[in-house]
Amino acid sequence: MKPIILCAAVVCLASESPRFERNSVTPNHSGLLPFSMNIQYIPQPVHLTMSNVTLKFCLQQAYGLTEHQVFGPGWIKNARYDVNATLPEGGQPQQVWPAFQAVLDEHFGLSLRRETKVMPIYALIVAKGGPKLHPSEDHVEKAGKSKADEGFSGTLDLRRVSMKEFCENLSRRTDRLVIDETGISGKFDIALNYQQSSDRSGLSMFNAVQRQLGLKLEPRSKLVDVLTVQSAKR
């Protein structure tokens, strides 16, 4: 009975959310590589376009989750789509993702289950010796991205990000969800250079986080929010 209640709650939320005035979700047959996804967002009028995206990626954006928090049939991370949607006149930016939830439900006939469960995660904490972070310089105009140090094959160059946003970026580069437990507030400019690991262990990146930023990724288990696609139409 409990899963039925949860599922009904999701449908109810989608029906009460703001709606896009025009929207389309069509299969993408471009043959582009999986990482060649593109998102464009125009604030006025509020317009959202996505190309070469998966249903899993769309759900991540719509519900504010990472790839480690969305589960379902294998095709949701393989089949590719293009999305085009516009809010009615007067629509607000904060309405985009609730409205996008309704679009996904409309086109894919989703049955979703939201719950919490214990999962392995990485906690981002302050390393011994303290953080080595550079507060964002609002008055300085940044021209492009910084060049990677010679000898490094991986880079992460971010401007005006919080620790939470930094963790979201790290989550996309590791095999676990990364959660901020630094207790550090504010916005920072972060340039991280690391040697990509062929076995995906991420240890070299972990070492770079500690050496260059004075932070540490610590393996833990934690109760986190997850979203499961119980059924969906392709």
Protein backbone atom coordinates (compact mmCIF):
# COMPACT_ATOMS: atom_id res chain seq x y z
CA MET A 1 0.00 0.00 0.00
CA LYS A 2 2.80 2.44 0.81
CA PRO A 3 4.35 2.46 -2.70
CA ILE A 4 0.89 3.20 -4.15
CA ILE A 5 0.53 6.24 -1.90
CA LEU A 6 3.97 7.52 -2.90
CA CYS A 7 3.22 7.02 -6.57
CA ALA A 8 -0.10 8.85 -6.31
CA ALA A 9 1.64 11.73 -4.57
CA VAL A 10 3.99 12.19 -7.51
CA VAL A 11 1.12 12.27 -10.00
CA CYS A 12 -0.73 14.79 -7.85
CA LEU A 13 2.29 17.09 -7.66
CA ALA A 14 2.76 16.96 -11.42
CA SER A 15 -0.89 17.88 -12.07
CA GLU A 16 -0.72 20.95 -9.81
CA SER A 17 2.61 22.27 -11.15
CA PRO A 18 2.85 25.09 -13.75
CA ARG A 19 2.65 23.89 -17.34
CA PHE A 20 4.66 24.69 -20.43
CA GLU A 21 2.52 26.43 -23.05
CA ARG A 22 4.21 24.49 -25.85
CA ASN A 23 6.38 21.44 -25.49
CA SER A 24 7.75 18.55 -27.50
CA VAL A 25 9.88 15.50 -26.73
CA THR A 26 11.15 13.70 -29.82
CA PRO A 27 13.65 10.87 -30.39
CA ASN A 28 17.18 11.97 -31.28
CA HIS A 29 18.77 9.93 -34.06
CA SER A 30 21.86 12.10 -34.56
CA GLY A 31 24.25 9.38 -33.44
CA LEU A 32 26.20 11.86 -31.32
CA LEU A 33 28.33 10.51 -28.50
CA PRO A 34 26.59 10.08 -25.12
CA PHE A 35 28.44 13.00 -23.52
CA SER A 36 27.38 15.35 -26.36
CA MET A 37 24.30 16.55 -24.49
CA ASN A 38 23.28 20.18 -24.75
CA ILE A 39 20.98 22.37 -22.63
CA GLN A 40 19.93 25.92 -23.47
CA TYR A 41 17.86 28.09 -21.18
CA ILE A 42 16.41 31.47 -22.18
CA PRO A 43 14.95 33.44 -19.23
CA GLN A 44 12.50 35.76 -21.06
CA PRO A 45 10.26 34.30 -22.26
CA VAL A 46 11.17 31.22 -20.31
CA HIS A 47 12.29 28.68 -22.90
CA LEU A 48 14.07 25.35 -22.43
CA THR A 49 15.75 23.24 -25.10
CA MET A 50 17.73 20.02 -24.67
CA SER A 51 19.37 17.83 -27.29
CA ASN A 52 20.68 14.26 -27.20
CA VAL A 53 19.52 13.78 -23.60
CA THR A 54 18.33 10.62 -21.85
CA LEU A 55 15.21 10.23 -19.74
CA LYS A 56 17.46 9.57 -16.74
CA PHE A 57 19.26 12.87 -17.29
CA CYS A 58 15.93 14.69 -17.68
CA LEU A 59 14.70 13.24 -14.38
CA GLN A 60 17.92 14.33 -12.68
CA GLN A 61 17.34 17.91 -13.84
CA ALA A 62 13.62 17.95 -13.10
CA TYR A 63 13.94 16.62 -9.55
CA GLY A 64 17.34 18.11 -8.60
CA LEU A 65 19.11 14.75 -8.25
CA THR A 66 22.37 13.21 -9.46
CA GLU A 67 22.78 10.14 -11.66
CA HIS A 68 23.50 8.09 -8.52
CA GLN A 69 19.98 8.84 -7.22
CA VAL A 70 17.86 7.84 -10.25
CA PHE A 71 17.06 4.18 -10.99
CA GLY A 72 14.92 2.36 -13.54
CA PRO A 73 14.93 0.25 -16.72
CA GLY A 74 18.20 0.20 -18.66
CA TRP A 75 16.79 2.12 -21.65
CA ILE A 76 16.26 5.32 -19.61
CA LYS A 77 20.02 5.94 -19.72
CA ASN A 78 20.48 4.90 -23.37
CA ALA A 79 17.57 6.19 -25.51
CA ARG A 80 18.19 9.77 -26.67
CA TYR A 81 15.69 12.64 -26.97
CA ASP A 82 15.35 16.32 -27.91
CA VAL A 83 13.22 18.61 -25.74
CA ASN A 84 11.68 21.96 -26.64
CA ALA A 85 9.42 23.77 -24.17
CA THR A 86 8.18 27.31 -23.48
CA LEU A 87 6.32 28.66 -20.44
CA PRO A 88 3.31 30.98 -20.98
CA GLU A 89 3.90 34.73 -20.93
CA GLY A 90 4.75 35.84 -17.42
CA GLY A 91 6.27 32.47 -16.51
CA GLN A 92 9.05 32.57 -13.90
CA PRO A 93 12.44 30.78 -13.97
CA GLN A 94 11.66 28.92 -10.73
CA GLN A 95 8.70 27.27 -12.49
CA VAL A 96 10.87 25.53 -15.11
CA TRP A 97 11.68 22.28 -13.31
CA PRO A 98 8.23 21.70 -11.72
CA ALA A 99 6.74 22.29 -15.20
CA PHE A 100 9.32 19.94 -16.72
CA GLN A 101 8.17 17.19 -14.34
CA ALA A 102 4.70 17.50 -15.90
CA VAL A 103 6.18 17.34 -19.42
CA LEU A 104 8.03 14.11 -18.64
CA ASP A 105 4.91 12.58 -17.09
CA GLU A 106 2.85 13.57 -20.13
CA HIS A 107 5.21 12.14 -22.73
CA PHE A 108 6.49 9.06 -20.92
CA GLY A 109 3.48 8.09 -18.76
CA LEU A 110 5.71 7.85 -15.72
CA SER A 111 5.07 5.86 -12.59
CA LEU A 112 7.64 7.02 -10.03
CA ARG A 113 8.55 6.05 -6.50
CA ARG A 114 10.41 8.48 -4.26
CA GLU A 115 12.03 7.15 -1.11
CA THR A 116 15.16 7.30 1.01
CA LYS A 117 17.68 4.51 1.43
CA VAL A 118 21.16 3.98 2.80
CA MET A 119 23.80 4.25 0.05
CA PRO A 120 27.59 4.50 -0.13
CA ILE A 121 28.56 8.16 -0.60
CA TYR A 122 31.59 10.42 -0.40
CA ALA A 123 31.45 13.15 2.23
CA LEU A 124 33.39 16.29 1.31
CA ILE A 125 35.10 17.47 4.50
CA VAL A 126 37.90 19.89 5.42
CA ALA A 127 41.30 18.17 5.38
CA LYS A 128 43.98 18.55 8.03
CA GLY A 129 45.64 21.94 7.60
CA GLY A 130 42.44 23.70 6.52
CA PRO A 131 40.90 24.66 3.16
CA LYS A 132 42.82 26.29 0.30
CA LEU A 133 39.88 27.93 -1.43
CA HIS A 134 39.76 31.19 -3.39
CA PRO A 135 36.63 33.31 -2.76
CA SER A 136 34.95 34.33 -6.00
CA GLU A 137 36.07 37.73 -7.27
CA ASP A 138 32.86 39.30 -8.57
CA HIS A 139 34.62 42.39 -9.89
CA VAL A 140 37.10 40.47 -12.02
CA GLU A 141 36.00 39.57 -15.53
CA LYS A 142 37.04 36.00 -16.31
CA ALA A 143 38.03 35.48 -19.94
CA GLY A 144 37.59 31.80 -20.69
CA LYS A 145 38.76 28.88 -18.61
CA SER A 146 42.16 28.45 -17.06
CA LYS A 147 44.66 26.22 -18.80
CA ALA A 148 45.34 22.84 -17.26
CA ASP A 149 48.74 22.27 -15.67
CA GLU A 150 51.10 20.29 -17.87
CA GLY A 151 50.98 16.58 -17.09
CA PHE A 152 47.33 16.50 -16.03
CA SER A 153 44.62 14.87 -18.15
CA GLY A 154 41.57 16.02 -16.16
CA THR A 155 40.43 19.54 -15.26
CA LEU A 156 37.54 21.10 -13.38
CA ASP A 157 37.28 24.88 -13.72
CA LEU A 158 34.32 26.48 -11.92
CA ARG A 159 33.32 30.09 -11.24
CA ARG A 160 31.17 31.37 -8.37
CA VAL A 161 30.13 27.98 -6.99
CA SER A 162 29.07 26.98 -3.50
CA MET A 163 30.36 23.83 -1.83
CA LYS A 164 27.04 22.17 -2.66
CA GLU A 165 27.46 23.01 -6.36
CA PHE A 166 31.05 21.79 -6.25
CA CYS A 167 29.83 18.48 -4.82
CA GLU A 168 27.31 18.16 -7.66
CA ASN A 169 30.19 18.46 -10.13
CA LEU A 170 32.28 15.91 -8.23
CA SER A 171 29.33 13.50 -8.20
CA ARG A 172 29.44 13.41 -12.00
CA ARG A 173 33.13 12.40 -11.88
CA THR A 174 33.04 9.68 -9.22
CA ASP A 175 31.21 6.41 -8.65
CA ARG A 176 29.19 7.79 -5.72
CA LEU A 177 27.05 10.72 -4.67
CA VAL A 178 29.18 13.47 -3.08
CA ILE A 179 27.64 15.35 -0.14
CA ASP A 180 28.93 18.61 1.32
CA GLU A 181 29.90 18.33 4.98
CA THR A 182 32.53 21.08 5.03
CA GLY A 183 30.39 23.66 6.81
CA ILE A 184 31.86 26.27 4.42
CA SER A 185 29.54 28.96 3.04
CA GLY A 186 30.07 31.46 0.24
CA LYS A 187 30.99 31.32 -3.45
CA PHE A 188 34.37 30.22 -4.77
CA ASP A 189 36.41 30.01 -7.97
CA ILE A 190 37.74 26.45 -8.16
CA ALA A 191 40.39 25.12 -10.55
CA LEU A 192 41.19 21.45 -10.03
CA ASN A 193 43.76 19.52 -12.09
CA TYR A 194 43.99 15.76 -11.76
CA GLN A 195 45.24 12.67 -13.56
CA GLN A 196 42.35 10.64 -14.91
CA SER A 197 42.42 7.03 -13.77
CA SER A 198 41.87 4.23 -16.29
CA ASP A 199 40.23 1.99 -13.67
CA ARG A 200 37.73 4.75 -12.65
CA SER A 201 38.82 4.53 -9.00
CA GLY A 202 39.16 8.30 -8.89
CA LEU A 203 41.99 8.09 -6.34
CA SER A 204 44.23 10.50 -8.23
CA MET A 205 41.41 13.04 -8.32
CA PHE A 206 40.81 12.49 -4.62
CA ASN A 207 44.45 13.26 -3.94
CA ALA A 208 44.19 16.41 -6.06
CA VAL A 209 41.17 17.60 -4.06
CA GLN A 210 43.18 17.29 -0.84
CA ARG A 211 46.47 18.69 -2.14
CA GLN A 212 45.09 21.59 -4.19
CA LEU A 213 41.94 22.54 -2.25
CA GLY A 214 42.62 21.42 1.32
CA LEU A 215 39.48 19.27 1.26
CA LYS A 216 38.95 15.52 1.50
CA LEU A 217 36.53 12.97 0.05
CA GLU A 218 35.75 10.45 2.77
CA PRO A 219 33.84 7.19 2.01
CA ARG A 220 30.71 6.80 4.14
CA SER A 221 27.19 5.39 4.09
CA LYS A 222 24.25 7.77 4.38
CA LEU A 223 20.47 7.89 4.02
CA VAL A 224 19.76 9.72 0.73
CA ASP A 225 16.78 10.54 -1.48
CA VAL A 226 16.33 8.30 -4.54
CA LEU A 227 13.86 8.22 -7.44
CA THR A 228 12.87 4.94 -9.10
CA VAL A 229 11.11 4.70 -12.46
CA GLN A 230 8.64 1.85 -11.93
CA SER A 231 7.25 2.10 -15.46
CA ALA A 232 7.54 4.42 -18.47
CA LYS A 233 6.61 4.44 -22.16
CA ARG A 234 9.52 4.77 -24.60
